[in-house]
Amino acid sequence: METYPLTYQLPARTEINDVTKIPDDIKDEIKAALQDDPPITIEKEPINDEKKPTNSFNIMQIVACVAFFLFFFIFYLKKSYVVAVISAIAFANYAAINCNIGNTEYSPGVTDYLPRYLDWILTTPLLLLTLLLKIGVKDIGQILFFIFLDVMMIYTGYLASMISDINFKYVMFAISTFFYLIIFLLLYTLKPPLLQFYFLFFAWMAYPILWILHQTDSGISNENYDYSISAVDIFSKIGYGLILHV
């Protein structure tokens, strides 16, 4: 039988029909040889996941802790008592985070902090309250309705973060975003001062955007997420307090 020199390198899973320019009898011999070979196993090297749990001592979290501590006294001396309370709560949140209290890895490689949501469920209604009072809303029922919407926004956002089921996670995220939009749509109908209204609207918009980027496989790491959330917290709370009486 005439033989042919083979210069082809055949991968283990190559189908014989994919090999061209080889006579049929040689193809049959190669196919038989491939079928006799033991299966090849490939060990993959572990992938360095960018979303590995991070150290709680993020520099921006320390900056936030110090900033809220200082601005508690500044707002108190300016007699902005509600904003002072907001700063005190935020300080307690970042003190807990920097002490590594409430650090939760709620899905593989993705971490968050329980104190962060306790902060938001207390401070965001207070931020809304200051804006409602500035608008001149005095009806207790109306104020409580806005607070209810706000608490539901934070609570469903918390569920979206802490539940591992991907479908339920994004359903909760969508509901939380819906509450956010309803809050500001209703606020707009009350003809609020535009500076404070748009400041809160766009500052709070940053949170769901960062959350989505944090959840995706190619999104931002835990460290960058914590850094960004801390920066937005400083901006949205202290910044709002500074422009509240403008």
C-alpha atoms as a PDB file:
ATOM      1  CA  MET A   1       0.000   0.000   0.000  1.00  0.00           C
ATOM      2  CA  GLU A   2       1.292   3.363  -0.971  1.00  0.00           C
ATOM      3  CA  THR A   3       2.060   5.577   2.026  1.00  0.00           C
ATOM      4  CA  TYR A   4       1.910   9.319   2.372  1.00  0.00           C
ATOM      5  CA  PRO A   5       3.962  11.467   4.722  1.00  0.00           C
ATOM      6  CA  LEU A   6       1.612  13.322   7.051  1.00  0.00           C
ATOM      7  CA  THR A   7       2.538  16.811   8.104  1.00  0.00           C
ATOM      8  CA  TYR A   8      -0.839  17.623   9.707  1.00  0.00           C
ATOM      9  CA  GLN A   9      -1.267  18.241  13.437  1.00  0.00           C
ATOM     10  CA  LEU A  10      -4.728  17.031  14.338  1.00  0.00           C
ATOM     11  CA  PRO A  11      -6.414  18.343  17.509  1.00  0.00           C
ATOM     12  CA  ALA A  12      -7.933  15.636  19.674  1.00  0.00           C
ATOM     13  CA  ARG A  13     -11.485  16.581  18.692  1.00  0.00           C
ATOM     14  CA  THR A  14     -10.819  17.150  14.966  1.00  0.00           C
ATOM     15  CA  GLU A  15     -13.414  15.494  12.763  1.00  0.00           C
ATOM     16  CA  ILE A  16     -11.839  13.467   9.980  1.00  0.00           C
ATOM     17  CA  ASN A  17     -14.143  15.094   7.457  1.00  0.00           C
ATOM     18  CA  ASP A  18     -12.488  18.412   8.230  1.00  0.00           C
ATOM     19  CA  VAL A  19      -9.090  17.181   7.016  1.00  0.00           C
ATOM     20  CA  THR A  20      -8.624  17.960   3.358  1.00  0.00           C
ATOM     21  CA  LYS A  21      -6.226  16.760   0.680  1.00  0.00           C
ATOM     22  CA  ILE A  22      -5.730  13.289   2.242  1.00  0.00           C
ATOM     23  CA  PRO A  23      -6.719  10.131   0.341  1.00  0.00           C
ATOM     24  CA  ASP A  24      -9.752   8.263   1.644  1.00  0.00           C
ATOM     25  CA  ASP A  25      -7.820   5.139   2.773  1.00  0.00           C
ATOM     26  CA  ILE A  26      -5.447   7.275   4.851  1.00  0.00           C
ATOM     27  CA  LYS A  27      -8.425   9.117   6.343  1.00  0.00           C
ATOM     28  CA  ASP A  28      -9.859   5.787   7.497  1.00  0.00           C
ATOM     29  CA  GLU A  29      -6.571   4.833   9.206  1.00  0.00           C
ATOM     30  CA  ILE A  30      -6.342   8.210  10.921  1.00  0.00           C
ATOM     31  CA  LYS A  31      -9.957   8.013  12.037  1.00  0.00           C
ATOM     32  CA  ALA A  32      -9.390   4.572  13.538  1.00  0.00           C
ATOM     33  CA  ALA A  33      -6.262   5.812  15.318  1.00  0.00           C
ATOM     34  CA  LEU A  34      -8.113   8.769  16.776  1.00  0.00           C
ATOM     35  CA  GLN A  35     -10.898   6.542  18.041  1.00  0.00           C
ATOM     36  CA  ASP A  36      -8.367   4.281  19.785  1.00  0.00           C
ATOM     37  CA  ASP A  37      -6.664   7.158  21.592  1.00  0.00           C
ATOM     38  CA  PRO A  38      -7.684   7.728  25.232  1.00  0.00           C
ATOM     39  CA  PRO A  39      -9.670  10.913  25.878  1.00  0.00           C
ATOM     40  CA  ILE A  40      -7.573  13.953  26.474  1.00  0.00           C
ATOM     41  CA  THR A  41      -8.276  16.036  29.555  1.00  0.00           C
ATOM     42  CA  ILE A  42      -7.137  19.622  29.842  1.00  0.00           C
ATOM     43  CA  GLU A  43      -6.640  21.217  33.202  1.00  0.00           C
ATOM     44  CA  LYS A  44      -7.429  24.878  33.191  1.00  0.00           C
ATOM     45  CA  GLU A  45      -5.403  27.261  35.270  1.00  0.00           C
ATOM     46  CA  PRO A  46      -7.468  29.060  37.900  1.00  0.00           C
ATOM     47  CA  ILE A  47      -8.715  32.422  36.726  1.00  0.00           C
ATOM     48  CA  ASN A  48      -7.858  35.416  38.840  1.00  0.00           C
ATOM     49  CA  ASP A  49     -11.327  36.834  39.447  1.00  0.00           C
ATOM     50  CA  GLU A  50     -11.242  40.601  39.540  1.00  0.00           C
ATOM     51  CA  LYS A  51     -14.247  40.545  41.877  1.00  0.00           C
ATOM     52  CA  LYS A  52     -12.510  38.761  44.712  1.00  0.00           C
ATOM     53  CA  PRO A  53     -13.529  39.914  48.195  1.00  0.00           C
ATOM     54  CA  THR A  54     -11.649  43.048  49.114  1.00  0.00           C
ATOM     55  CA  ASN A  55     -10.213  44.507  52.251  1.00  0.00           C
ATOM     56  CA  SER A  56     -12.667  46.779  54.011  1.00  0.00           C
ATOM     57  CA  PHE A  57      -9.970  49.449  54.406  1.00  0.00           C
ATOM     58  CA  ASN A  58     -10.768  51.176  51.141  1.00  0.00           C
ATOM     59  CA  ILE A  59      -9.221  54.639  51.231  1.00  0.00           C
ATOM     60  CA  MET A  60     -12.437  56.333  50.092  1.00  0.00           C
ATOM     61  CA  GLN A  61     -14.389  54.604  52.868  1.00  0.00           C
ATOM     62  CA  ILE A  62     -11.959  56.058  55.396  1.00  0.00           C
ATOM     63  CA  VAL A  63     -12.285  59.488  53.762  1.00  0.00           C
ATOM     64  CA  ALA A  64     -16.090  59.169  53.944  1.00  0.00           C
ATOM     65  CA  CYS A  65     -15.949  58.233  57.616  1.00  0.00           C
ATOM     66  CA  VAL A  66     -13.825  61.282  58.460  1.00  0.00           C
ATOM     67  CA  ALA A  67     -15.863  63.605  56.221  1.00  0.00           C
ATOM     68  CA  PHE A  68     -19.206  62.656  57.753  1.00  0.00           C
ATOM     69  CA  PHE A  69     -17.749  62.979  61.252  1.00  0.00           C
ATOM     70  CA  LEU A  70     -16.561  66.533  60.529  1.00  0.00           C
ATOM     71  CA  PHE A  71     -19.692  67.631  58.694  1.00  0.00           C
ATOM     72  CA  PHE A  72     -21.904  66.418  61.502  1.00  0.00           C
ATOM     73  CA  PHE A  73     -20.491  69.284  63.596  1.00  0.00           C
ATOM     74  CA  ILE A  74     -20.534  71.739  60.688  1.00  0.00           C
ATOM     75  CA  PHE A  75     -24.205  71.123  59.925  1.00  0.00           C
ATOM     76  CA  TYR A  76     -25.068  71.114  63.614  1.00  0.00           C
ATOM     77  CA  LEU A  77     -23.423  74.514  64.084  1.00  0.00           C
ATOM     78  CA  LYS A  78     -25.295  75.781  61.013  1.00  0.00           C
ATOM     79  CA  LYS A  79     -28.514  74.533  62.678  1.00  0.00           C
ATOM     80  CA  SER A  80     -29.173  72.144  59.791  1.00  0.00           C
ATOM     81  CA  TYR A  81     -30.184  69.508  62.298  1.00  0.00           C
ATOM     82  CA  VAL A  82     -31.735  66.995  59.903  1.00  0.00           C
ATOM     83  CA  VAL A  83     -28.636  67.001  57.684  1.00  0.00           C
ATOM     84  CA  ALA A  84     -26.499  66.720  60.820  1.00  0.00           C
ATOM     85  CA  VAL A  85     -28.410  63.570  61.787  1.00  0.00           C
ATOM     86  CA  ILE A  86     -27.907  62.233  58.248  1.00  0.00           C
ATOM     87  CA  SER A  87     -24.153  62.831  58.598  1.00  0.00           C
ATOM     88  CA  ALA A  88     -24.110  61.092  61.981  1.00  0.00           C
ATOM     89  CA  ILE A  89     -25.848  58.004  60.555  1.00  0.00           C
ATOM     90  CA  ALA A  90     -23.497  57.936  57.574  1.00  0.00           C
ATOM     91  CA  PHE A  91     -20.518  58.220  59.921  1.00  0.00           C
ATOM     92  CA  ALA A  92     -21.773  55.228  61.920  1.00  0.00           C
ATOM     93  CA  ASN A  93     -22.176  53.285  58.668  1.00  0.00           C
ATOM     94  CA  TYR A  94     -18.621  53.920  57.510  1.00  0.00           C
ATOM     95  CA  ALA A  95     -17.212  53.319  60.972  1.00  0.00           C
ATOM     96  CA  ALA A  96     -18.852  49.867  60.879  1.00  0.00           C
ATOM     97  CA  ILE A  97     -17.588  49.170  57.361  1.00  0.00           C
ATOM     98  CA  ASN A  98     -14.037  50.187  58.269  1.00  0.00           C
ATOM     99  CA  CYS A  99     -14.241  47.842  61.268  1.00  0.00           C
ATOM    100  CA  ASN A 100     -15.278  45.052  58.870  1.00  0.00           C
ATOM    101  CA  ILE A 101     -18.753  44.746  60.380  1.00  0.00           C
ATOM    102  CA  GLY A 102     -21.499  43.466  58.094  1.00  0.00           C
ATOM    103  CA  ASN A 103     -19.255  42.473  55.189  1.00  0.00           C
ATOM    104  CA  THR A 104     -21.365  39.983  53.188  1.00  0.00           C
ATOM    105  CA  GLU A 105     -20.359  37.944  50.120  1.00  0.00           C
ATOM    106  CA  TYR A 106     -23.871  37.423  48.769  1.00  0.00           C
ATOM    107  CA  SER A 107     -22.805  35.784  45.504  1.00  0.00           C
ATOM    108  CA  PRO A 108     -19.453  34.304  44.378  1.00  0.00           C
ATOM    109  CA  GLY A 109     -16.871  37.072  44.269  1.00  0.00           C
ATOM    110  CA  VAL A 110     -19.361  39.902  44.920  1.00  0.00           C
ATOM    111  CA  THR A 111     -19.493  41.559  48.337  1.00  0.00           C
ATOM    112  CA  ASP A 112     -21.551  44.305  49.935  1.00  0.00           C
ATOM    113  CA  TYR A 113     -22.214  45.715  53.393  1.00  0.00           C
ATOM    114  CA  LEU A 114     -25.363  45.436  55.509  1.00  0.00           C
ATOM    115  CA  PRO A 115     -24.608  48.762  57.313  1.00  0.00           C
ATOM    116  CA  ARG A 116     -24.737  50.461  53.927  1.00  0.00           C
ATOM    117  CA  TYR A 117     -28.414  49.546  53.494  1.00  0.00           C
ATOM    118  CA  LEU A 118     -29.238  50.395  57.101  1.00  0.00           C
ATOM    119  CA  ASP A 119     -27.733  53.812  56.424  1.00  0.00           C
ATOM    120  CA  TRP A 120     -29.746  54.316  53.237  1.00  0.00           C
ATOM    121  CA  ILE A 121     -33.057  53.149  54.705  1.00  0.00           C
ATOM    122  CA  LEU A 122     -32.673  55.872  57.373  1.00  0.00           C
ATOM    123  CA  THR A 123     -30.925  58.705  55.527  1.00  0.00           C
ATOM    124  CA  THR A 124     -32.753  58.725  52.183  1.00  0.00           C
ATOM    125  CA  PRO A 125     -36.176  59.360  53.813  1.00  0.00           C
ATOM    126  CA  LEU A 126     -34.572  62.176  55.785  1.00  0.00           C
ATOM    127  CA  LEU A 127     -33.142  63.678  52.604  1.00  0.00           C
ATOM    128  CA  LEU A 128     -36.609  63.506  51.041  1.00  0.00           C
ATOM    129  CA  LEU A 129     -38.111  65.045  54.171  1.00  0.00           C
ATOM    130  CA  THR A 130     -35.857  68.103  53.915  1.00  0.00           C
ATOM    131  CA  LEU A 131     -36.891  68.604  50.293  1.00  0.00           C
ATOM    132  CA  LEU A 132     -40.593  68.156  51.091  1.00  0.00           C
ATOM    133  CA  LEU A 133     -40.351  70.680  53.910  1.00  0.00           C
ATOM    134  CA  LYS A 134     -38.539  73.102  51.615  1.00  0.00           C
ATOM    135  CA  ILE A 135     -41.362  72.719  49.081  1.00  0.00           C
ATOM    136  CA  GLY A 136     -43.822  73.483  51.864  1.00  0.00           C
ATOM    137  CA  VAL A 137     -45.528  70.124  52.194  1.00  0.00           C
ATOM    138  CA  LYS A 138     -47.200  69.922  55.599  1.00  0.00           C
ATOM    139  CA  ASP A 139     -49.642  67.079  55.106  1.00  0.00           C
ATOM    140  CA  ILE A 140     -48.430  64.190  57.281  1.00  0.00           C
ATOM    141  CA  GLY A 141     -50.140  61.602  55.093  1.00  0.00           C
ATOM    142  CA  GLN A 142     -48.346  62.901  52.006  1.00  0.00           C
ATOM    143  CA  ILE A 143     -44.986  62.926  53.774  1.00  0.00           C
ATOM    144  CA  LEU A 144     -45.506  59.357  55.040  1.00  0.00           C
ATOM    145  CA  PHE A 145     -46.447  58.226  51.525  1.00  0.00           C
ATOM    146  CA  PHE A 146     -43.152  59.534  50.147  1.00  0.00           C
ATOM    147  CA  ILE A 147     -41.259  57.893  53.002  1.00  0.00           C
ATOM    148  CA  PHE A 148     -43.037  54.595  52.275  1.00  0.00           C
ATOM    149  CA  LEU A 149     -42.012  54.761  48.608  1.00  0.00           C
ATOM    150  CA  ASP A 150     -38.447  55.525  49.622  1.00  0.00           C
ATOM    151  CA  VAL A 151     -38.220  52.663  52.119  1.00  0.00           C
ATOM    152  CA  MET A 152     -39.578  50.271  49.499  1.00  0.00           C
ATOM    153  CA  MET A 153     -36.974  51.532  47.032  1.00  0.00           C
ATOM    154  CA  ILE A 154     -34.165  50.723  49.461  1.00  0.00           C
ATOM    155  CA  TYR A 155     -35.665  47.435  50.671  1.00  0.00           C
ATOM    156  CA  THR A 156     -36.163  46.015  47.176  1.00  0.00           C
ATOM    157  CA  GLY A 157     -32.664  47.208  46.292  1.00  0.00           C
ATOM    158  CA  TYR A 158     -31.377  45.330  49.319  1.00  0.00           C
ATOM    159  CA  LEU A 159     -33.180  42.173  48.188  1.00  0.00           C
ATOM    160  CA  ALA A 160     -31.708  42.581  44.719  1.00  0.00           C
ATOM    161  CA  SER A 161     -28.228  42.599  46.237  1.00  0.00           C
ATOM    162  CA  MET A 162     -28.569  39.843  48.791  1.00  0.00           C
ATOM    163  CA  ILE A 163     -30.489  37.181  46.828  1.00  0.00           C
ATOM    164  CA  SER A 164     -28.479  34.879  44.584  1.00  0.00           C
ATOM    165  CA  ASP A 165     -31.265  33.844  42.167  1.00  0.00           C
ATOM    166  CA  ILE A 166     -30.430  35.873  39.074  1.00  0.00           C
ATOM    167  CA  ASN A 167     -34.008  36.265  37.828  1.00  0.00           C
ATOM    168  CA  PHE A 168     -35.386  37.367  41.196  1.00  0.00           C
ATOM    169  CA  LYS A 169     -32.359  39.663  41.646  1.00  0.00           C
ATOM    170  CA  TYR A 170     -33.121  41.662  38.511  1.00  0.00           C
ATOM    171  CA  VAL A 171     -36.864  41.706  39.195  1.00  0.00           C
ATOM    172  CA  MET A 172     -36.149  43.327  42.562  1.00  0.00           C
ATOM    173  CA  PHE A 173     -33.726  45.746  40.936  1.00  0.00           C
ATOM    174  CA  ALA A 174     -36.398  46.753  38.400  1.00  0.00           C
ATOM    175  CA  ILE A 175     -38.963  47.291  41.183  1.00  0.00           C
ATOM    176  CA  SER A 176     -36.484  49.382  43.173  1.00  0.00           C
ATOM    177  CA  THR A 177     -35.773  51.520  40.105  1.00  0.00           C
ATOM    178  CA  PHE A 178     -39.519  51.908  39.546  1.00  0.00           C
ATOM    179  CA  PHE A 179     -39.946  53.301  43.083  1.00  0.00           C
ATOM    180  CA  TYR A 180     -37.054  55.696  42.448  1.00  0.00           C
ATOM    181  CA  LEU A 181     -38.706  57.042  39.287  1.00  0.00           C
ATOM    182  CA  ILE A 182     -42.136  57.316  40.932  1.00  0.00           C
ATOM    183  CA  ILE A 183     -40.677  59.299  43.845  1.00  0.00           C
ATOM    184  CA  PHE A 184     -39.120  61.924  41.619  1.00  0.00           C
ATOM    185  CA  LEU A 185     -42.038  62.044  39.217  1.00  0.00           C
ATOM    186  CA  LEU A 186     -44.379  62.825  42.118  1.00  0.00           C
ATOM    187  CA  LEU A 187     -41.888  65.306  43.575  1.00  0.00           C
ATOM    188  CA  TYR A 188     -41.744  67.132  40.262  1.00  0.00           C
ATOM    189  CA  THR A 189     -45.523  67.634  40.301  1.00  0.00           C
ATOM    190  CA  LEU A 190     -45.101  69.545  43.586  1.00  0.00           C
ATOM    191  CA  LYS A 191     -42.918  72.144  41.830  1.00  0.00           C
ATOM    192  CA  PRO A 192     -39.807  71.712  43.999  1.00  0.00           C
ATOM    193  CA  PRO A 193     -36.795  74.057  43.913  1.00  0.00           C
ATOM    194  CA  LEU A 194     -35.031  72.807  40.797  1.00  0.00           C
ATOM    195  CA  LEU A 195     -31.465  72.971  42.132  1.00  0.00           C
ATOM    196  CA  GLN A 196     -32.114  70.626  45.055  1.00  0.00           C
ATOM    197  CA  PHE A 197     -34.525  68.445  43.031  1.00  0.00           C
ATOM    198  CA  TYR A 198     -32.143  67.788  40.145  1.00  0.00           C
ATOM    199  CA  PHE A 199     -29.198  67.417  42.493  1.00  0.00           C
ATOM    200  CA  LEU A 200     -30.889  64.540  44.343  1.00  0.00           C
ATOM    201  CA  PHE A 201     -32.306  63.039  41.142  1.00  0.00           C
ATOM    202  CA  PHE A 202     -28.937  62.723  39.408  1.00  0.00           C
ATOM    203  CA  ALA A 203     -26.994  61.863  42.574  1.00  0.00           C
ATOM    204  CA  TRP A 204     -29.338  58.952  43.323  1.00  0.00           C
ATOM    205  CA  MET A 205     -29.251  57.843  39.693  1.00  0.00           C
ATOM    206  CA  ALA A 206     -25.587  56.953  40.163  1.00  0.00           C
ATOM    207  CA  TYR A 207     -26.410  54.149  42.619  1.00  0.00           C
ATOM    208  CA  PRO A 208     -28.370  51.823  40.265  1.00  0.00           C
ATOM    209  CA  ILE A 209     -25.844  52.465  37.497  1.00  0.00           C
ATOM    210  CA  LEU A 210     -22.976  51.422  39.759  1.00  0.00           C
ATOM    211  CA  TRP A 211     -24.982  48.408  40.989  1.00  0.00           C
ATOM    212  CA  ILE A 212     -25.514  47.132  37.438  1.00  0.00           C
ATOM    213  CA  LEU A 213     -21.837  47.604  36.608  1.00  0.00           C
ATOM    214  CA  HIS A 214     -20.911  45.719  39.769  1.00  0.00           C
ATOM    215  CA  GLN A 215     -23.147  42.746  38.940  1.00  0.00           C
ATOM    216  CA  THR A 216     -21.901  42.057  35.415  1.00  0.00           C
ATOM    217  CA  ASP A 217     -18.984  39.664  34.899  1.00  0.00           C
ATOM    218  CA  SER A 218     -16.963  42.297  33.057  1.00  0.00           C
ATOM    219  CA  GLY A 219     -18.082  45.119  35.352  1.00  0.00           C
ATOM    220  CA  ILE A 220     -16.285  47.012  38.080  1.00  0.00           C
ATOM    221  CA  SER A 221     -14.500  45.183  40.881  1.00  0.00           C
ATOM    222  CA  ASN A 222     -15.537  45.192  44.537  1.00  0.00           C
ATOM    223  CA  GLU A 223     -12.813  47.679  45.358  1.00  0.00           C
ATOM    224  CA  ASN A 224     -13.842  50.132  42.635  1.00  0.00           C
ATOM    225  CA  TYR A 225     -17.523  49.663  43.501  1.00  0.00           C
ATOM    226  CA  ASP A 226     -16.890  50.465  47.182  1.00  0.00           C
ATOM    227  CA  TYR A 227     -14.725  53.427  46.180  1.00  0.00           C
ATOM    228  CA  SER A 228     -17.418  54.783  43.854  1.00  0.00           C
ATOM    229  CA  ILE A 229     -20.320  54.244  46.278  1.00  0.00           C
ATOM    230  CA  SER A 230     -18.396  56.038  49.027  1.00  0.00           C
ATOM    231  CA  ALA A 231     -17.683  58.985  46.724  1.00  0.00           C
ATOM    232  CA  VAL A 232     -21.343  59.206  45.663  1.00  0.00           C
ATOM    233  CA  ASP A 233     -22.426  59.028  49.319  1.00  0.00           C
ATOM    234  CA  ILE A 234     -20.229  62.004  50.182  1.00  0.00           C
ATOM    235  CA  PHE A 235     -21.467  63.922  47.148  1.00  0.00           C
ATOM    236  CA  SER A 236     -25.160  63.174  47.629  1.00  0.00           C
ATOM    237  CA  LYS A 237     -25.360  63.765  51.393  1.00  0.00           C
ATOM    238  CA  ILE A 238     -22.803  66.449  52.165  1.00  0.00           C
ATOM    239  CA  GLY A 239     -23.234  68.146  48.801  1.00  0.00           C
ATOM    240  CA  TYR A 240     -26.991  68.246  49.234  1.00  0.00           C
ATOM    241  CA  GLY A 241     -26.629  69.608  52.763  1.00  0.00           C
ATOM    242  CA  LEU A 242     -24.459  72.441  51.480  1.00  0.00           C
ATOM    243  CA  ILE A 243     -26.945  73.509  48.787  1.00  0.00           C
ATOM    244  CA  LEU A 244     -30.115  72.866  50.809  1.00  0.00           C
ATOM    245  CA  HIS A 245     -30.565  76.463  51.877  1.00  0.00           C
ATOM    246  CA  VAL A 246     -29.268  78.090  48.685  1.00  0.00           C
END
